[in-house]
Amino acid sequence: MGDRFGGPVRVTPRMAGVAAEQVAGAFTGRQAPYRKVFMRLRHTVAAALGALALVVTLPTSASAATGDFSYKFVGLDGSPQSATVHDPAGPGCVTIPEVADPGSSSPAFAPHNDTDSWVIVFTEPDCTGDSWTLRPHGRPASDRLLLRSVFVTEIR
């Protein structure tokens, strides 16, 4: 056995109490047994903390979106009106009551998603028809974006 410079390893009396294998391991690049245990423990703790961080950041089960979802619609008298749903329930589909019947009302328009969840607006009741996705805390959409129902997602 030799050191990293090619010479023999000498164990001196000053090294009393230290096993010859540990001293030789220090010169040959091998780690002493207690260091291996420490390194394994350090890696185990790091892996456990990483797993804990992932679990803590997982979304919770079904919960309402926080914030306001608003839209405009034409009232029965023909004047434009606006409505706001505070903390809409989700996940799930919500048909807008003022415009639920396509035969008797015009679609709502200009949705604004100021919630913390993604929402998908649909041109027909019961979340059918063409769709458009609105980001959380986004800007108000154009008056040209028509809708009759909204799907509130769990995605934040």
Protein backbone atom coordinates (compact mmCIF):
# COMPACT_ATOMS: atom_id res chain seq x y z
CA MET A 1 0.00 0.00 0.00
CA GLY A 2 1.34 3.42 -0.81
CA ASP A 3 0.36 7.05 -0.52
CA ARG A 4 -0.80 9.11 -3.47
CA PHE A 5 2.79 10.03 -4.27
CA GLY A 6 3.82 6.40 -4.68
CA GLY A 7 5.76 6.01 -1.42
CA PRO A 8 4.99 3.58 1.41
CA VAL A 9 2.67 4.62 4.21
CA ARG A 10 4.33 4.70 7.62
CA VAL A 11 2.28 4.47 10.78
CA THR A 12 4.06 6.38 13.52
CA PRO A 13 3.57 6.14 17.28
CA ARG A 14 1.88 9.58 17.26
CA MET A 15 -0.94 8.00 15.32
CA ALA A 16 -1.84 5.82 18.28
CA GLY A 17 -5.57 5.21 18.59
CA VAL A 18 -6.14 5.52 14.83
CA ALA A 19 -6.47 2.28 12.89
CA ALA A 20 -3.85 1.71 10.27
CA GLU A 21 -6.59 1.15 7.68
CA GLN A 22 -8.03 4.60 8.36
CA VAL A 23 -4.64 6.27 8.02
CA ALA A 24 -3.91 4.36 4.82
CA GLY A 25 -7.38 5.22 3.52
CA ALA A 26 -6.71 8.92 4.04
CA PHE A 27 -3.68 8.72 1.75
CA THR A 28 -5.19 6.48 -0.92
CA GLY A 29 -8.42 8.42 -1.36
CA ARG A 30 -10.56 5.90 0.53
CA GLN A 31 -12.77 7.33 3.25
CA ALA A 32 -12.76 6.19 6.83
CA PRO A 33 -15.87 4.19 7.84
CA TYR A 34 -17.32 6.98 10.02
CA ARG A 35 -17.10 9.42 7.11
CA LYS A 36 -19.02 7.01 4.87
CA VAL A 37 -21.80 6.82 7.45
CA PHE A 38 -21.88 10.60 7.74
CA MET A 39 -22.04 10.99 3.96
CA ARG A 40 -24.89 8.46 3.69
CA LEU A 41 -26.76 10.18 6.49
CA ARG A 42 -26.29 13.56 4.83
CA HIS A 43 -27.67 12.25 1.52
CA THR A 44 -30.59 10.55 3.28
CA VAL A 45 -31.51 13.74 5.13
CA ALA A 46 -31.26 15.77 1.91
CA ALA A 47 -33.53 13.31 0.08
CA ALA A 48 -36.05 13.34 2.92
CA LEU A 49 -36.13 17.15 2.98
CA GLY A 50 -36.60 17.23 -0.79
CA ALA A 51 -39.52 14.80 -0.56
CA LEU A 52 -41.06 16.87 2.23
CA ALA A 53 -40.79 20.01 0.12
CA LEU A 54 -42.60 18.29 -2.74
CA VAL A 55 -45.40 17.09 -0.48
CA VAL A 56 -45.87 20.54 1.06
CA THR A 57 -46.20 22.17 -2.37
CA LEU A 58 -48.84 19.75 -3.68
CA PRO A 59 -52.21 21.38 -4.28
CA THR A 60 -54.89 20.69 -1.76
CA SER A 61 -58.06 18.81 -2.62
CA ALA A 62 -61.05 20.51 -4.22
CA SER A 63 -61.35 24.06 -3.02
CA ALA A 64 -62.90 27.26 -4.20
CA ALA A 65 -60.90 29.71 -6.23
CA THR A 66 -60.02 32.85 -4.33
CA GLY A 67 -60.88 36.15 -5.99
CA ASP A 68 -63.51 37.49 -8.36
CA PHE A 69 -64.73 36.34 -11.75
CA SER A 70 -66.73 39.02 -13.53
CA TYR A 71 -68.50 39.39 -16.85
CA LYS A 72 -70.92 41.67 -18.68
CA PHE A 73 -74.29 40.79 -20.18
CA VAL A 74 -77.28 42.50 -21.78
CA GLY A 75 -80.18 42.79 -19.32
CA LEU A 76 -83.86 42.18 -20.07
CA ASP A 77 -84.32 45.92 -20.71
CA GLY A 78 -81.51 45.89 -23.30
CA SER A 79 -78.98 47.78 -21.18
CA PRO A 80 -75.49 46.39 -20.51
CA GLN A 81 -74.97 45.11 -16.96
CA SER A 82 -72.11 43.47 -15.13
CA ALA A 83 -71.97 40.68 -12.60
CA THR A 84 -69.26 39.32 -10.33
CA VAL A 85 -68.91 35.89 -8.75
CA HIS A 86 -66.86 36.09 -5.54
CA ASP A 87 -64.69 33.05 -4.77
CA PRO A 88 -66.27 30.75 -7.38
CA ALA A 89 -66.62 27.10 -6.39
CA GLY A 90 -64.30 24.75 -8.13
CA PRO A 91 -63.29 22.64 -9.74
CA GLY A 92 -66.32 22.39 -11.92
CA CYS A 93 -68.63 23.93 -14.48
CA VAL A 94 -70.77 26.96 -13.72
CA THR A 95 -73.48 28.00 -16.21
CA ILE A 96 -74.04 31.76 -16.06
CA PRO A 97 -77.65 32.17 -14.92
CA GLU A 98 -78.38 35.43 -16.76
CA VAL A 99 -77.52 33.91 -20.14
CA ALA A 100 -78.23 30.20 -19.61
CA ASP A 101 -81.01 29.97 -22.23
CA PRO A 102 -79.60 30.56 -25.73
CA GLY A 103 -83.14 31.00 -27.09
CA SER A 104 -84.02 33.97 -24.88
CA SER A 105 -80.76 35.85 -24.21
CA SER A 106 -77.55 36.99 -25.80
CA PRO A 107 -74.31 35.48 -24.48
CA ALA A 108 -72.35 37.22 -21.75
CA PHE A 109 -69.18 38.96 -22.85
CA ALA A 110 -65.90 40.53 -21.62
CA PRO A 111 -65.01 38.03 -18.89
CA HIS A 112 -62.37 38.99 -16.35
CA ASN A 113 -60.64 36.30 -14.29
CA ASP A 114 -59.26 37.94 -11.16
CA THR A 115 -59.10 34.64 -9.23
CA ASP A 116 -56.07 32.57 -8.31
CA SER A 117 -57.15 29.70 -10.61
CA TRP A 118 -57.17 29.14 -14.37
CA VAL A 119 -60.67 29.23 -15.86
CA ILE A 120 -62.04 28.09 -19.22
CA VAL A 121 -64.98 30.00 -20.68
CA PHE A 122 -67.41 28.29 -23.08
CA THR A 123 -69.78 29.67 -25.70
CA GLU A 124 -72.61 27.28 -24.72
CA PRO A 125 -74.25 26.24 -21.41
CA ASP A 126 -72.89 23.27 -19.42
CA CYS A 127 -69.32 23.91 -20.59
CA THR A 128 -69.91 22.95 -24.21
CA GLY A 129 -69.13 24.71 -27.46
CA ASP A 130 -66.01 26.69 -28.27
CA SER A 131 -63.70 27.49 -25.37
CA TRP A 132 -61.06 29.98 -24.33
CA THR A 133 -58.66 29.74 -21.36
CA LEU A 134 -58.12 32.71 -19.04
CA ARG A 135 -55.07 32.98 -16.80
CA PRO A 136 -55.25 33.77 -13.07
CA HIS A 137 -55.33 37.50 -12.24
CA GLY A 138 -55.36 38.33 -15.95
CA ARG A 139 -56.56 41.44 -17.70
CA PRO A 140 -60.22 41.79 -18.74
CA ALA A 141 -60.96 40.06 -22.04
CA SER A 142 -62.40 41.80 -25.07
CA ASP A 143 -66.12 42.48 -25.46
CA ARG A 144 -65.93 40.14 -28.46
CA LEU A 145 -65.25 37.10 -26.23
CA LEU A 146 -68.68 35.55 -25.68
CA LEU A 147 -69.58 33.01 -23.00
CA ARG A 148 -72.47 31.16 -21.38
CA SER A 149 -70.56 28.93 -18.94
CA VAL A 150 -67.25 28.76 -17.08
CA PHE A 151 -65.12 25.86 -15.88
CA VAL A 152 -63.07 26.74 -12.79
CA THR A 153 -59.95 24.55 -12.53
CA GLU A 154 -57.84 23.47 -9.57
CA ILE A 155 -54.72 24.68 -11.32
CA ARG A 156 -53.24 27.69 -9.60
